[in-house]
């Protein structure tokens, strides 16, 4: 019995890590990401929680923390440190530190009036969570996507896809991809919808079969652009039934006009 519970614990926590939509796995709050890095000498910070549920059970992250830094023009460094949890269909759940995500976003083609921008955002998930407790993968895995984006007035569309490389026991490599359309609505709202699909993630994953989801979400600007509320909810429309959700806070700061720098430990005032 204990062996079965341990297997289910690992199953659900791995599913959270490999789900196609991590905020790490994705341009928050959406699963689909964009190719645009943080501006040079600027920072982004997120505090967020996520939910991912299938017939196997449900997995969550939260509180989780994400930091992005525009280290040089067109290059962003990325870090996510989450607390993770799982609730199996049977047996007790668990909660603790999860695996740590490190990545680099690189834009190599800029957008023009007639051309979209292109970028890559590879990252690695480091096994800092306890695999025996069901809170980590036990091995490093990788996500290798290509993203493209174009904006016209208040409308923005972006998408792409790639491959997850995961050699942990019970897991497998699988493709993923998505496309999103969003629109600015006045000064306070940006709303969007996406279609996102991923392959079967392995017999030890929450998503043992492929799935395609339709998600709806956006941003509410408490102070534009520096402080926002992010939200998303979605459900599968094909393949394995799956439900996801995201809720978070976001703020950004950096070099001000005239060259002055607020600095890493001095986020903007929320006013």
Foldseek 3Di string as FASTA:
>chain_A
DVVVVLLLLLAELVQQVPPQADVLCEVPPGSFHAQAADAAFKKKKKQKKKWKAFPQWIKMWPRKMKMWHNPDGQKIKIKIKTWIKTDGPDDDIDIGTAWMKIWMKGWDAPDDPPAKTKIKIKMKTHFPFDSSNSRYQPHIKMATWMKIKDDDVQKIKMKTWGKICDDGPFFHIKIKIKIKIWGDDPDFWIKIKMKIKIAQGGRSYSRNGIFIKIKIWTWTPLPPPAKIWTKMWMWTPDMGTMIMIMTMIMGMAGQDPPGDTCDDPGGDDRD
